[in-house]
Amino acid sequence: MYARRRRVYFLMMGGCLFLFVSAWAFVRLWSVPAAVAMCVVAMVVPPVAAVIANRRGPEDRWWDDPSGDPESDEWWDELDGRKRR
């Protein structure tokens, strides 16, 4: 799961770099407004990539991992309606 999120993050950031570099290396020769639009899109990509990279899936259970105290874990499992494994 972590590897997939990391791969998506790096692909998005690579796309951001590609947009920015190609906008001012090639596209500006034909159309400055298109180059500016590409930079605006490249500006939005990093925050979106960070949100996607830090998103937790339903199978990621970091908030309710067992604490190590059997009595406390049993109590929380009872409140959550889960049975102990």
N, C-alpha and C. Protein backbone atom coordinates (compact mmCIF):
# COMPACT_ATOMS: atom_id res chain seq x y z
N MET A 1 0.83 -1.19 0.00
CA MET A 1 0.00 0.00 0.00
C MET A 1 0.88 1.25 0.00
N TYR A 2 1.87 1.27 0.86
CA TYR A 2 2.75 2.43 0.95
C TYR A 2 3.51 2.63 -0.36
N ALA A 3 3.96 1.55 -0.96
CA ALA A 3 4.73 1.65 -2.21
C ALA A 3 3.86 2.21 -3.33
N ARG A 4 2.60 1.83 -3.37
CA ARG A 4 1.71 2.34 -4.42
C ARG A 4 1.48 3.84 -4.25
N ARG A 5 1.26 4.29 -3.02
CA ARG A 5 1.06 5.72 -2.77
C ARG A 5 2.32 6.50 -3.11
N ARG A 6 3.48 5.94 -2.76
CA ARG A 6 4.74 6.61 -3.06
C ARG A 6 4.97 6.70 -4.56
N ARG A 7 4.65 5.64 -5.27
CA ARG A 7 4.82 5.64 -6.73
C ARG A 7 3.91 6.68 -7.38
N VAL A 8 2.67 6.76 -6.93
CA VAL A 8 1.74 7.76 -7.47
C VAL A 8 2.25 9.17 -7.17
N TYR A 9 2.78 9.38 -5.97
CA TYR A 9 3.32 10.69 -5.60
C TYR A 9 4.45 11.09 -6.53
N PHE A 10 5.40 10.18 -6.75
CA PHE A 10 6.54 10.51 -7.61
C PHE A 10 6.12 10.69 -9.06
N LEU A 11 5.14 9.95 -9.53
CA LEU A 11 4.64 10.16 -10.89
C LEU A 11 3.99 11.53 -11.02
N MET A 12 3.21 11.92 -10.04
CA MET A 12 2.58 13.23 -10.09
C MET A 12 3.61 14.36 -10.02
N MET A 13 4.62 14.20 -9.17
CA MET A 13 5.64 15.23 -9.07
C MET A 13 6.50 15.27 -10.34
N GLY A 14 6.73 14.12 -10.95
CA GLY A 14 7.44 14.10 -12.23
C GLY A 14 6.63 14.80 -13.31
N GLY A 15 5.33 14.58 -13.30
CA GLY A 15 4.45 15.29 -14.24
C GLY A 15 4.47 16.79 -14.01
N CYS A 16 4.55 17.19 -12.75
CA CYS A 16 4.64 18.61 -12.42
C CYS A 16 5.92 19.21 -12.99
N LEU A 17 7.03 18.54 -12.78
CA LEU A 17 8.30 19.03 -13.32
C LEU A 17 8.28 19.06 -14.85
N PHE A 18 7.70 18.03 -15.45
CA PHE A 18 7.59 18.00 -16.91
C PHE A 18 6.77 19.18 -17.42
N LEU A 19 5.64 19.46 -16.78
CA LEU A 19 4.81 20.59 -17.20
C LEU A 19 5.58 21.91 -17.09
N PHE A 20 6.24 22.10 -15.98
CA PHE A 20 6.94 23.37 -15.76
C PHE A 20 8.10 23.55 -16.74
N VAL A 21 8.93 22.53 -16.88
CA VAL A 21 10.08 22.65 -17.77
C VAL A 21 9.65 22.77 -19.22
N SER A 22 8.70 21.96 -19.64
CA SER A 22 8.29 22.03 -21.04
C SER A 22 7.55 23.34 -21.35
N ALA A 23 6.86 23.89 -20.35
CA ALA A 23 6.15 25.15 -20.57
C ALA A 23 7.12 26.26 -20.95
N TRP A 24 8.23 26.35 -20.25
CA TRP A 24 9.15 27.46 -20.51
C TRP A 24 10.28 27.09 -21.46
N ALA A 25 10.46 25.83 -21.77
CA ALA A 25 11.50 25.45 -22.72
C ALA A 25 10.95 25.39 -24.15
N PHE A 26 9.71 24.90 -24.31
CA PHE A 26 9.17 24.68 -25.65
C PHE A 26 7.89 25.45 -25.93
N VAL A 27 6.93 25.34 -25.05
CA VAL A 27 5.60 25.86 -25.32
C VAL A 27 5.60 27.38 -25.42
N ARG A 28 6.44 28.06 -24.67
CA ARG A 28 6.45 29.53 -24.71
C ARG A 28 6.82 30.06 -26.08
N LEU A 29 7.51 29.24 -26.87
CA LEU A 29 7.88 29.68 -28.21
C LEU A 29 6.66 29.82 -29.11
N TRP A 30 5.62 29.05 -28.84
CA TRP A 30 4.40 29.10 -29.64
C TRP A 30 3.29 29.91 -28.98
N SER A 31 3.18 29.78 -27.65
CA SER A 31 2.08 30.45 -26.97
C SER A 31 2.43 30.70 -25.50
N VAL A 32 2.61 31.96 -25.16
CA VAL A 32 2.91 32.32 -23.77
C VAL A 32 1.71 32.06 -22.87
N PRO A 33 0.48 32.37 -23.28
CA PRO A 33 -0.66 32.04 -22.41
C PRO A 33 -0.78 30.54 -22.12
N ALA A 34 -0.46 29.70 -23.09
CA ALA A 34 -0.49 28.26 -22.84
C ALA A 34 0.60 27.86 -21.85
N ALA A 35 1.76 28.49 -21.95
CA ALA A 35 2.84 28.20 -21.01
C ALA A 35 2.46 28.62 -19.60
N VAL A 36 1.81 29.77 -19.48
CA VAL A 36 1.35 30.23 -18.16
C VAL A 36 0.29 29.28 -17.62
N ALA A 37 -0.62 28.84 -18.46
CA ALA A 37 -1.65 27.88 -18.03
C ALA A 37 -1.02 26.58 -17.57
N MET A 38 0.01 26.12 -18.28
CA MET A 38 0.70 24.89 -17.86
C MET A 38 1.36 25.08 -16.50
N CYS A 39 1.91 26.25 -16.25
CA CYS A 39 2.53 26.52 -14.94
C CYS A 39 1.49 26.59 -13.83
N VAL A 40 0.31 27.11 -14.14
CA VAL A 40 -0.76 27.15 -13.14
C VAL A 40 -1.18 25.72 -12.79
N VAL A 41 -1.29 24.87 -13.79
CA VAL A 41 -1.61 23.46 -13.52
C VAL A 41 -0.49 22.82 -12.71
N ALA A 42 0.76 23.12 -13.07
CA ALA A 42 1.91 22.56 -12.33
C ALA A 42 1.94 23.06 -10.90
N MET A 43 1.40 24.25 -10.66
CA MET A 43 1.36 24.81 -9.31
C MET A 43 0.35 24.05 -8.43
N VAL A 44 -0.69 23.52 -9.04
CA VAL A 44 -1.74 22.82 -8.28
C VAL A 44 -1.35 21.37 -7.99
N VAL A 45 -0.48 20.80 -8.78
CA VAL A 45 -0.15 19.37 -8.66
C VAL A 45 0.51 19.01 -7.32
N PRO A 46 1.51 19.76 -6.79
CA PRO A 46 2.16 19.32 -5.54
C PRO A 46 1.24 19.17 -4.34
N PRO A 47 0.33 20.12 -4.06
CA PRO A 47 -0.57 19.88 -2.93
C PRO A 47 -1.48 18.66 -3.13
N VAL A 48 -1.95 18.47 -4.35
CA VAL A 48 -2.79 17.30 -4.63
C VAL A 48 -1.98 16.02 -4.46
N ALA A 49 -0.73 16.03 -4.91
CA ALA A 49 0.13 14.86 -4.75
C ALA A 49 0.38 14.56 -3.27
N ALA A 50 0.55 15.59 -2.46
CA ALA A 50 0.77 15.39 -1.03
C ALA A 50 -0.47 14.80 -0.37
N VAL A 51 -1.64 15.28 -0.76
CA VAL A 51 -2.89 14.74 -0.19
C VAL A 51 -3.04 13.27 -0.57
N ILE A 52 -2.77 12.95 -1.82
CA ILE A 52 -2.90 11.56 -2.27
C ILE A 52 -1.87 10.67 -1.58
N ALA A 53 -0.65 11.17 -1.41
CA ALA A 53 0.40 10.36 -0.79
C ALA A 53 0.13 10.11 0.69
N ASN A 54 -0.58 11.02 1.35
CA ASN A 54 -0.84 10.86 2.78
C ASN A 54 -2.21 10.29 3.09
N ARG A 55 -2.98 9.99 2.05
CA ARG A 55 -4.31 9.42 2.25
C ARG A 55 -4.20 8.00 2.79
N ARG A 56 -5.04 7.67 3.73
CA ARG A 56 -5.06 6.32 4.30
C ARG A 56 -6.20 5.53 3.67
N GLY A 57 -5.92 4.29 3.35
CA GLY A 57 -6.94 3.42 2.81
C GLY A 57 -7.72 2.75 3.92
N PRO A 58 -8.82 2.09 3.57
CA PRO A 58 -9.62 1.43 4.60
C PRO A 58 -8.87 0.28 5.27
N GLU A 59 -7.90 -0.30 4.58
CA GLU A 59 -7.15 -1.40 5.20
C GLU A 59 -5.98 -0.90 6.05
N ASP A 60 -5.68 0.40 6.00
CA ASP A 60 -4.64 0.98 6.86
C ASP A 60 -5.24 1.26 8.22
N ARG A 61 -4.80 0.55 9.23
CA ARG A 61 -5.43 0.66 10.55
C ARG A 61 -4.42 1.23 11.52
N TRP A 62 -4.09 2.48 11.41
CA TRP A 62 -3.11 3.09 12.29
C TRP A 62 -3.75 3.70 13.53
N TRP A 63 -5.01 4.08 13.48
CA TRP A 63 -5.63 4.77 14.60
C TRP A 63 -6.13 3.82 15.69
N ASP A 64 -6.30 2.56 15.34
CA ASP A 64 -6.82 1.63 16.34
C ASP A 64 -5.95 0.40 16.49
N ASP A 65 -4.65 0.58 16.31
CA ASP A 65 -3.74 -0.52 16.55
C ASP A 65 -3.76 -0.89 18.03
N PRO A 66 -3.54 -2.14 18.34
CA PRO A 66 -3.52 -2.54 19.75
C PRO A 66 -2.45 -1.79 20.52
N SER A 67 -2.80 -1.39 21.74
CA SER A 67 -1.87 -0.61 22.55
C SER A 67 -0.89 -1.50 23.31
N GLY A 68 -1.21 -2.76 23.44
CA GLY A 68 -0.35 -3.66 24.20
C GLY A 68 -0.95 -4.00 25.56
N ASP A 69 -1.90 -3.21 26.01
CA ASP A 69 -2.59 -3.48 27.27
C ASP A 69 -3.83 -4.30 26.94
N PRO A 70 -3.83 -5.60 27.30
CA PRO A 70 -4.96 -6.46 26.90
C PRO A 70 -6.32 -5.98 27.41
N GLU A 71 -6.36 -5.47 28.63
CA GLU A 71 -7.63 -5.02 29.18
C GLU A 71 -8.16 -3.80 28.41
N SER A 72 -7.28 -2.86 28.12
CA SER A 72 -7.67 -1.67 27.38
C SER A 72 -8.08 -2.03 25.96
N ASP A 73 -7.31 -2.90 25.31
CA ASP A 73 -7.64 -3.31 23.94
C ASP A 73 -8.98 -4.02 23.89
N GLU A 74 -9.26 -4.86 24.89
CA GLU A 74 -10.54 -5.57 24.94
C GLU A 74 -11.69 -4.58 25.13
N TRP A 75 -11.48 -3.58 25.97
CA TRP A 75 -12.50 -2.57 26.22
C TRP A 75 -12.80 -1.79 24.95
N TRP A 76 -11.75 -1.34 24.23
CA TRP A 76 -11.95 -0.59 23.00
C TRP A 76 -12.60 -1.45 21.92
N ASP A 77 -12.21 -2.71 21.84
CA ASP A 77 -12.83 -3.60 20.86
C ASP A 77 -14.32 -3.78 21.15
N GLU A 78 -14.67 -3.86 22.43
CA GLU A 78 -16.07 -3.99 22.81
C GLU A 78 -16.85 -2.73 22.42
N LEU A 79 -16.25 -1.55 22.62
CA LEU A 79 -16.91 -0.30 22.24
C LEU A 79 -17.08 -0.20 20.72
N ASP A 80 -16.09 -0.67 19.98
CA ASP A 80 -16.16 -0.62 18.52
C ASP A 80 -17.02 -1.73 17.93
N GLY A 81 -17.44 -2.68 18.75
CA GLY A 81 -18.27 -3.76 18.25
C GLY A 81 -17.47 -4.84 17.52
N ARG A 82 -16.20 -4.92 17.83
CA ARG A 82 -15.34 -5.94 17.19
C ARG A 82 -15.03 -7.03 18.20
N LYS A 83 -14.75 -8.17 17.66
CA LYS A 83 -14.31 -9.28 18.51
C LYS A 83 -12.82 -9.37 18.44
N ARG A 84 -12.23 -9.81 19.52
CA ARG A 84 -10.76 -9.98 19.56
C ARG A 84 -10.34 -11.11 18.66
N ARG A 85 -9.22 -10.92 18.01
CA ARG A 85 -8.68 -11.96 17.11
C ARG A 85 -7.86 -12.93 17.88
